[in-house]
Protein backbone atom coordinates (compact mmCIF):
# COMPACT_ATOMS: atom_id res chain seq x y z
CA MET A 1 -49.16 8.35 19.74
CA ALA A 2 -52.06 5.68 18.90
CA TYR A 3 -52.24 4.73 15.00
CA GLU A 4 -55.53 3.87 12.95
CA THR A 5 -53.86 2.17 10.04
CA LEU A 6 -50.29 1.42 11.06
CA ALA A 7 -48.67 -0.36 14.18
CA VAL A 8 -45.44 1.43 15.74
CA GLU A 9 -43.45 -0.03 18.04
CA ARG A 10 -39.72 0.27 19.49
CA ARG A 11 -37.69 -2.93 20.03
CA GLY A 12 -33.74 -1.33 21.50
CA PRO A 13 -32.76 0.92 19.34
CA VAL A 14 -34.81 -0.14 16.01
CA GLY A 15 -38.21 1.77 15.33
CA TRP A 16 -40.46 -0.53 13.50
CA LEU A 17 -43.86 1.10 11.05
CA GLU A 18 -45.92 -1.52 10.03
CA PHE A 19 -48.64 -0.87 7.66
CA ASP A 20 -51.47 -2.24 9.23
CA ARG A 21 -54.31 -3.07 7.08
CA PRO A 22 -54.06 -6.67 5.84
CA ARG A 23 -57.64 -7.03 4.85
CA ALA A 24 -56.99 -4.47 2.13
CA GLY A 25 -53.84 -5.48 0.92
CA ASN A 26 -52.35 -3.38 3.23
CA ALA A 27 -53.11 -0.34 0.61
CA MET A 28 -52.99 3.49 1.21
CA ASP A 29 -56.67 5.36 2.62
CA ALA A 30 -56.92 8.59 3.30
CA VAL A 31 -56.44 7.89 6.74
CA MET A 32 -53.21 5.91 6.46
CA MET A 33 -52.03 8.87 4.06
CA ALA A 34 -52.24 11.23 6.95
CA GLU A 35 -50.90 8.85 9.98
CA LEU A 36 -48.11 7.79 7.30
CA PRO A 37 -46.35 11.87 7.92
CA LEU A 38 -46.59 11.62 11.53
CA ALA A 39 -45.34 8.20 12.45
CA TRP A 40 -42.11 8.87 10.01
CA ARG A 41 -41.24 12.12 11.93
CA GLU A 42 -42.12 10.67 15.33
CA LEU A 43 -39.60 7.71 15.32
CA ASP A 44 -36.62 10.20 13.33
CA ALA A 45 -37.52 12.54 15.85
CA ASP A 46 -36.77 9.92 19.16
CA ASP A 47 -33.54 9.89 19.89
CA ASP A 48 -33.17 6.04 21.16
CA VAL A 49 -34.15 4.88 17.70
CA ARG A 50 -31.61 4.63 14.95
CA CYS A 51 -32.63 2.86 12.52
CA ILE A 52 -36.20 2.55 11.06
CA VAL A 53 -37.60 -0.94 9.62
CA VAL A 54 -40.91 -0.55 7.00
CA THR A 55 -42.71 -3.44 6.92
CA GLY A 56 -46.37 -4.81 6.97
CA ARG A 57 -48.72 -7.05 8.59
CA GLY A 58 -50.30 -10.31 6.92
CA ARG A 59 -49.92 -10.96 3.55
CA ALA A 60 -48.55 -8.47 1.95
CA PHE A 61 -45.99 -5.51 2.36
CA GLN A 62 -47.70 -2.38 0.20
CA THR A 63 -50.21 -2.46 -2.30
CA GLY A 64 -50.30 1.35 -3.21
CA LEU A 65 -53.77 3.22 -3.24
CA ASP A 66 -56.78 1.71 -1.79
CA MET A 67 -58.94 3.41 -4.46
CA ALA A 68 -62.14 1.52 -3.37
CA ALA A 69 -61.89 3.24 -0.32
CA LEU A 70 -60.53 6.88 -1.39
CA ALA A 71 -63.66 6.60 -4.31
CA ARG A 72 -65.85 6.89 -1.29
CA ASP A 73 -64.48 10.24 -0.03
CA PRO A 74 -63.88 12.22 -3.29
CA ALA A 75 -62.58 14.82 -1.16
CA SER A 76 -59.25 13.11 -0.04
CA LEU A 77 -58.82 11.37 -4.10
CA ARG A 78 -58.80 14.61 -5.51
CA GLU A 79 -56.31 15.46 -2.80
CA SER A 80 -54.13 12.49 -3.26
CA SER A 81 -54.20 13.04 -7.10
CA ARG A 82 -53.08 16.61 -6.90
CA ARG A 83 -50.21 15.91 -4.17
CA THR A 84 -48.98 12.79 -7.31
CA ARG A 85 -49.73 15.29 -9.96
CA ALA A 86 -47.54 17.50 -8.03
CA GLY A 87 -44.86 15.63 -6.93
CA GLU A 88 -46.40 16.55 -3.49
CA LEU A 89 -45.82 13.30 -1.38
CA GLU A 90 -45.56 12.65 1.76
CA LEU A 91 -45.13 8.76 2.20
CA THR A 92 -41.94 7.55 2.41
CA GLY A 93 -38.90 8.52 5.04
CA TRP A 94 -37.31 9.99 1.81
CA HIS A 95 -40.69 12.37 1.02
CA LEU A 96 -40.24 13.51 4.80
CA GLY A 97 -36.83 14.21 4.70
CA VAL A 98 -36.04 11.82 7.34
CA ARG A 99 -32.34 11.54 8.58
CA THR A 100 -32.63 7.58 11.03
CA PRO A 101 -31.55 5.30 8.16
CA VAL A 102 -34.17 2.94 7.18
CA VAL A 103 -34.46 -0.71 6.26
CA ALA A 104 -37.77 -1.76 4.07
CA ALA A 105 -38.46 -5.70 4.71
CA VAL A 106 -40.80 -6.67 2.14
CA ASN A 107 -43.04 -9.60 3.44
CA GLY A 108 -45.37 -10.19 0.58
CA VAL A 109 -46.24 -8.46 -2.28
CA CYS A 110 -45.33 -4.83 -2.81
CA ALA A 111 -47.90 -3.16 -6.21
CA GLY A 112 -48.05 0.59 -7.38
CA GLY A 113 -47.00 2.51 -4.82
CA GLY A 114 -46.09 0.18 -2.55
CA LEU A 115 -42.98 0.62 -4.38
CA HIS A 116 -42.48 3.97 -3.28
CA PHE A 117 -41.07 2.75 0.19
CA VAL A 118 -38.80 -0.02 -1.39
CA VAL A 119 -36.73 2.61 -3.58
CA ASP A 120 -36.98 5.12 -1.09
CA ALA A 121 -35.40 2.93 1.45
CA ASP A 122 -31.18 2.66 2.51
CA ILE A 123 -31.16 -1.38 2.50
CA VAL A 124 -34.52 -3.60 1.44
CA LEU A 125 -34.37 -7.07 2.43
CA ALA A 126 -37.46 -9.56 1.46
CA SER A 127 -38.95 -12.88 1.96
CA ALA A 128 -38.24 -15.36 -0.24
CA SER A 129 -42.52 -14.99 -0.73
CA ALA A 130 -42.06 -11.48 -1.89
CA THR A 131 -43.71 -10.05 -5.35
CA PHE A 132 -42.85 -6.82 -7.14
CA LEU A 133 -44.52 -5.13 -9.61
CA ASP A 134 -45.97 -2.15 -11.41
CA PRO A 135 -49.80 -2.08 -12.21
CA HIS A 136 -50.62 1.55 -13.38
CA VAL A 137 -50.42 1.32 -17.02
CA SER A 138 -52.60 -1.64 -16.85
CA VAL A 139 -55.41 0.09 -14.81
CA GLY A 140 -55.14 3.51 -17.21
CA GLN A 141 -52.84 5.35 -15.19
CA VAL A 142 -49.89 7.51 -15.93
CA SER A 143 -47.86 7.84 -12.55
CA ALA A 144 -44.30 7.51 -13.09
CA TRP A 145 -42.76 8.46 -9.50
CA GLU A 146 -42.28 4.37 -8.42
CA ALA A 147 -40.18 4.07 -12.11
CA ILE A 148 -38.00 6.78 -12.07
CA GLY A 149 -37.42 5.12 -8.29
CA LEU A 150 -36.59 1.89 -9.40
CA VAL A 151 -34.14 3.51 -12.19
CA ARG A 152 -32.05 3.97 -9.17
CA ARG A 153 -31.68 1.00 -8.08
CA MET A 154 -31.59 -1.13 -11.34
CA SER A 155 -31.21 -1.36 -14.86
CA ALA A 156 -33.65 1.13 -16.85
CA THR A 157 -34.74 -1.36 -19.44
CA THR A 158 -35.91 -3.46 -16.49
CA ALA A 159 -37.90 -0.84 -14.88
CA ALA A 160 -39.13 0.20 -18.24
CA ARG A 161 -40.24 -3.44 -18.56
CA LEU A 162 -41.91 -3.19 -15.46
CA ALA A 163 -44.00 0.41 -15.72
CA LEU A 164 -44.90 -0.79 -19.47
CA ILE A 165 -45.86 -3.85 -19.15
CA GLY A 166 -48.08 -3.48 -15.92
CA VAL A 167 -49.41 -6.68 -14.03
CA HIS A 168 -48.03 -9.26 -16.84
CA GLU A 169 -44.86 -8.44 -15.39
CA ARG A 170 -43.09 -9.61 -11.76
CA LEU A 171 -40.75 -9.68 -9.95
CA ASP A 172 -40.20 -12.56 -7.51
CA ALA A 173 -37.46 -11.95 -4.74
CA ALA A 174 -35.07 -14.41 -6.40
CA ARG A 175 -35.07 -12.23 -9.52
CA ALA A 176 -35.21 -8.73 -7.67
CA TYR A 177 -32.46 -9.72 -6.09
CA GLN A 178 -30.09 -10.69 -9.00
CA LEU A 179 -30.93 -7.24 -10.39
CA GLY A 180 -29.64 -5.43 -7.24
CA LEU A 181 -33.50 -4.22 -5.80
CA VAL A 182 -33.16 -6.20 -2.58
CA SER A 183 -29.75 -6.98 -1.10
CA GLU A 184 -31.20 -10.22 1.02
CA VAL A 185 -33.63 -12.64 0.55
CA VAL A 186 -34.74 -14.44 3.78
CA GLU A 187 -37.44 -17.73 4.34
CA PRO A 188 -40.57 -15.88 5.22
CA ASP A 189 -40.85 -16.78 9.08
CA ALA A 190 -37.14 -15.15 9.20
CA LEU A 191 -37.53 -11.81 7.72
CA ARG A 192 -38.23 -9.71 11.00
CA ASP A 193 -35.60 -11.62 12.88
CA ALA A 194 -32.93 -10.89 10.11
CA ALA A 195 -34.66 -7.22 9.79
CA GLN A 196 -33.98 -6.87 13.78
CA ARG A 197 -30.66 -8.29 13.35
CA VAL A 198 -29.33 -5.78 9.58
CA ALA A 199 -31.15 -2.97 11.61
CA GLU A 200 -29.66 -3.19 15.21
CA THR A 201 -26.25 -3.39 13.02
CA VAL A 202 -26.88 -0.44 11.37
CA ALA A 203 -28.15 1.45 14.53
CA ALA A 204 -24.73 0.20 16.56
CA ALA A 205 -22.96 3.34 14.81
CA ASP A 206 -22.58 6.81 16.12
CA PRO A 207 -25.96 8.05 14.94
CA ALA A 208 -24.00 11.04 13.62
CA HIS A 209 -21.96 9.78 11.33
CA ALA A 210 -24.66 6.95 10.26
CA ARG A 211 -26.67 10.03 9.36
CA ALA A 212 -24.05 11.76 7.46
CA LEU A 213 -23.42 8.96 5.58
CA LYS A 214 -26.81 8.28 4.26
CA GLN A 215 -27.01 11.58 3.10
CA ALA A 216 -23.72 11.15 1.37
CA LEU A 217 -25.03 8.51 -0.09
CA TRP A 218 -28.67 9.53 -1.50
CA ARG A 219 -26.97 13.06 -2.28
CA ALA A 220 -24.55 10.93 -4.63
CA GLN A 221 -27.49 9.38 -6.43
CA GLU A 222 -29.23 12.91 -6.81
CA LEU A 223 -25.82 15.35 -8.15
CA GLY A 224 -23.27 14.01 -10.70
CA ARG A 225 -20.48 12.26 -8.80
CA THR A 226 -18.47 15.76 -9.21
CA ALA A 227 -20.56 17.74 -7.27
CA ALA A 228 -21.27 14.99 -4.68
CA ARG A 229 -17.71 14.76 -3.77
CA ALA A 230 -17.36 19.16 -3.70
CA GLU A 231 -20.52 19.00 -0.97
CA ALA A 232 -19.31 15.94 0.93
CA ALA A 233 -16.17 17.66 1.38
CA ARG A 234 -17.09 20.68 2.45
CA THR A 235 -19.57 19.58 5.03
CA GLU A 236 -16.62 15.82 6.16
CA ALA A 237 -14.92 19.14 8.52
CA HIS A 238 -18.40 20.14 9.90
CA VAL A 239 -18.71 16.15 11.03
CA GLU A 240 -14.88 16.22 12.26
CA ALA A 241 -15.46 20.22 14.12
CA HIS A 242 -18.67 18.19 15.66
CA VAL A 243 -16.57 15.21 17.05
CA GLU A 244 -13.78 16.84 18.16
CA ALA A 245 -16.09 19.51 20.29
CA ARG A 246 -17.72 16.27 21.93
CA ALA A 247 -14.40 14.66 22.15
CA GLU A 248 -12.90 18.09 24.89
CA ALA A 249 -16.26 17.78 26.92
CA ARG A 250 -16.29 14.30 27.04
CA PRO A 251 -12.16 12.99 26.28
CA GLU A 252 -12.62 9.16 27.18
CA SER A 253 -15.84 8.74 24.36
CA GLY A 254 -15.10 11.51 22.70
CA ARG A 255 -11.42 9.77 21.64
CA ALA A 256 -13.94 6.52 20.64
CA GLU A 257 -15.85 8.96 18.87
CA ALA A 258 -13.26 10.76 17.28
CA GLY A 259 -11.71 7.50 16.28
CA SER A 260 -14.70 5.74 14.58
CA PHE A 261 -15.12 8.79 12.25
CA ASP A 262 -11.04 8.28 11.26
CA ALA A 263 -12.67 4.32 10.47
CA ILE A 264 -15.15 5.52 8.62
CA ARG A 265 -13.34 8.29 5.84
CA SER A 266 -10.55 5.93 5.87
CA GLN A 267 -12.88 3.35 3.74
CA GLY A 268 -13.01 6.08 1.58
CA ALA A 269 -16.94 7.62 2.69
CA SER A 270 -17.30 10.88 2.22
CA PRO A 271 -19.79 11.84 4.95
CA HIS A 272 -22.44 15.07 4.98
CA ALA A 273 -23.79 16.01 8.19
CA ASP A 274 -25.88 18.80 8.01
CA GLY A 275 -29.01 16.63 8.97
CA GLU A 276 -30.66 17.54 6.30
CA ILE A 277 -32.31 15.07 3.31
CA HIS A 278 -32.71 17.26 0.09
CA PRO A 279 -35.51 15.39 -2.08
């Protein structure tokens, strides 16, 4: 499918979703907000795509809503405001229940609504030139969704500092790494190769297992630990039964898959494999 504000392509087992409005800091206008759900679902439905990288073209990663563009489109502005108030966002893989693992490659400034794509990714890499900020309070907006997401990635006091100080508080990539918001910082010209490397490593795993582990990790954050463990235990049997069924149908490949499942389990992970994300 052709997109106006996004670039979507495949590089081996990795799908790339790139914001493509560099002159506007990759901010989201009405067209991009309409295209994002289509692009995420296209990549998630592709059996050949085992990991998705989300990044930006140009100097910015993602700078939130393009208020100037939306101001010229009152109907879209009203709909965007309604969705935000109602929590009916359809921007990120997490919002849309994407099962495929997601790597965010933050190539530049990430501001406001752009933070959604960072806190909703499974793995986050950043260019050494990346910066993070939440300007909502400084422009008279009360939007807590990004701040709530940040609390899952760093201490509550640090998230509150970003949210309450607004444009006067920025995290550079080195500080974001120290706080655990990102897992790796690389030089700007090495970011795309690093993201492809990490995504290919993720993609090398059996896709059912990778999706199950993603599900278990997210549910562990959304539920208490005891509830998350109980849910994972209930679904582990489902994964194993699925692997054993494939092993019976294809004995040689099935034994390898069953072995990989045992290896994952021996490392202490509890896959959840109903194949759905529950925001």
